[in-house]
Amino acid sequence: MKTHVGRILTKLDLSDRVQVVVFAYEIGLVRPGS
């Protein structure tokens, strides 16, 4: 799982998991309360 997250971070050029969550919200991948 950690390597998968790392690949996503590298692909999206995001520095940490918080940014991944923010990004996921922005593109509609994650919705509040789900």
N, C-alpha and C. Protein backbone atom coordinates (compact mmCIF):
# COMPACT_ATOMS: atom_id res chain seq x y z
N MET A 1 0.83 -1.20 0.00
CA MET A 1 0.00 0.00 0.00
C MET A 1 0.87 1.26 0.00
N LYS A 2 1.91 1.26 0.81
CA LYS A 2 2.76 2.44 0.89
C LYS A 2 3.45 2.73 -0.43
N THR A 3 3.88 1.68 -1.14
CA THR A 3 4.53 1.91 -2.43
C THR A 3 3.52 2.48 -3.43
N HIS A 4 2.27 2.00 -3.36
CA HIS A 4 1.23 2.51 -4.25
C HIS A 4 0.98 3.99 -3.99
N VAL A 5 0.88 4.37 -2.72
CA VAL A 5 0.71 5.77 -2.35
C VAL A 5 1.89 6.59 -2.85
N GLY A 6 3.08 6.06 -2.68
CA GLY A 6 4.27 6.75 -3.13
C GLY A 6 4.29 6.99 -4.62
N ARG A 7 3.81 6.00 -5.38
CA ARG A 7 3.74 6.16 -6.84
C ARG A 7 2.75 7.24 -7.22
N ILE A 8 1.62 7.27 -6.51
CA ILE A 8 0.62 8.31 -6.76
C ILE A 8 1.21 9.68 -6.46
N LEU A 9 1.91 9.79 -5.33
CA LEU A 9 2.54 11.06 -4.97
C LEU A 9 3.52 11.50 -6.04
N THR A 10 4.31 10.55 -6.53
CA THR A 10 5.29 10.87 -7.56
C THR A 10 4.60 11.30 -8.85
N LYS A 11 3.55 10.58 -9.21
CA LYS A 11 2.84 10.85 -10.45
C LYS A 11 2.19 12.23 -10.42
N LEU A 12 1.57 12.55 -9.30
CA LEU A 12 0.86 13.82 -9.18
C LEU A 12 1.75 14.94 -8.67
N ASP A 13 2.98 14.59 -8.32
CA ASP A 13 3.94 15.57 -7.79
C ASP A 13 3.40 16.25 -6.54
N LEU A 14 2.82 15.46 -5.65
CA LEU A 14 2.31 15.98 -4.39
C LEU A 14 3.26 15.55 -3.28
N SER A 15 3.43 16.41 -2.31
CA SER A 15 4.46 16.18 -1.31
C SER A 15 4.01 15.31 -0.15
N ASP A 16 2.69 15.26 0.10
CA ASP A 16 2.26 14.45 1.23
C ASP A 16 0.82 13.98 1.06
N ARG A 17 0.40 13.13 1.97
CA ARG A 17 -0.92 12.51 1.85
C ARG A 17 -2.06 13.50 2.04
N VAL A 18 -1.82 14.56 2.81
CA VAL A 18 -2.85 15.58 2.99
C VAL A 18 -3.21 16.18 1.64
N GLN A 19 -2.21 16.46 0.84
CA GLN A 19 -2.47 17.01 -0.49
C GLN A 19 -3.21 16.02 -1.37
N VAL A 20 -2.93 14.73 -1.20
CA VAL A 20 -3.65 13.70 -1.95
C VAL A 20 -5.14 13.75 -1.61
N VAL A 21 -5.44 13.87 -0.32
CA VAL A 21 -6.83 13.94 0.11
C VAL A 21 -7.51 15.18 -0.45
N VAL A 22 -6.82 16.31 -0.36
CA VAL A 22 -7.36 17.56 -0.92
C VAL A 22 -7.61 17.40 -2.41
N PHE A 23 -6.65 16.82 -3.10
CA PHE A 23 -6.77 16.59 -4.54
C PHE A 23 -7.97 15.69 -4.84
N ALA A 24 -8.12 14.64 -4.06
CA ALA A 24 -9.24 13.71 -4.24
C ALA A 24 -10.58 14.41 -4.06
N TYR A 25 -10.67 15.27 -3.07
CA TYR A 25 -11.89 16.06 -2.88
C TYR A 25 -12.14 16.97 -4.08
N GLU A 26 -11.09 17.62 -4.55
CA GLU A 26 -11.23 18.58 -5.64
C GLU A 26 -11.72 17.93 -6.93
N ILE A 27 -11.27 16.72 -7.20
CA ILE A 27 -11.70 16.05 -8.44
C ILE A 27 -12.98 15.26 -8.23
N GLY A 28 -13.50 15.26 -7.00
CA GLY A 28 -14.77 14.58 -6.73
C GLY A 28 -14.63 13.10 -6.45
N LEU A 29 -13.41 12.64 -6.23
CA LEU A 29 -13.18 11.22 -5.95
C LEU A 29 -13.69 10.87 -4.55
N VAL A 30 -13.52 11.81 -3.63
CA VAL A 30 -13.96 11.60 -2.26
C VAL A 30 -15.05 12.63 -1.96
N ARG A 31 -16.11 12.16 -1.29
CA ARG A 31 -17.18 13.07 -0.92
C ARG A 31 -17.32 13.09 0.60
N PRO A 32 -17.62 14.24 1.15
CA PRO A 32 -17.80 14.32 2.61
C PRO A 32 -18.87 13.35 3.10
N GLY A 33 -18.59 12.66 4.18
CA GLY A 33 -19.56 11.75 4.78
C GLY A 33 -19.57 10.37 4.18
N SER A 34 -18.69 10.09 3.22
CA SER A 34 -18.69 8.76 2.61
C SER A 34 -17.80 7.80 3.38
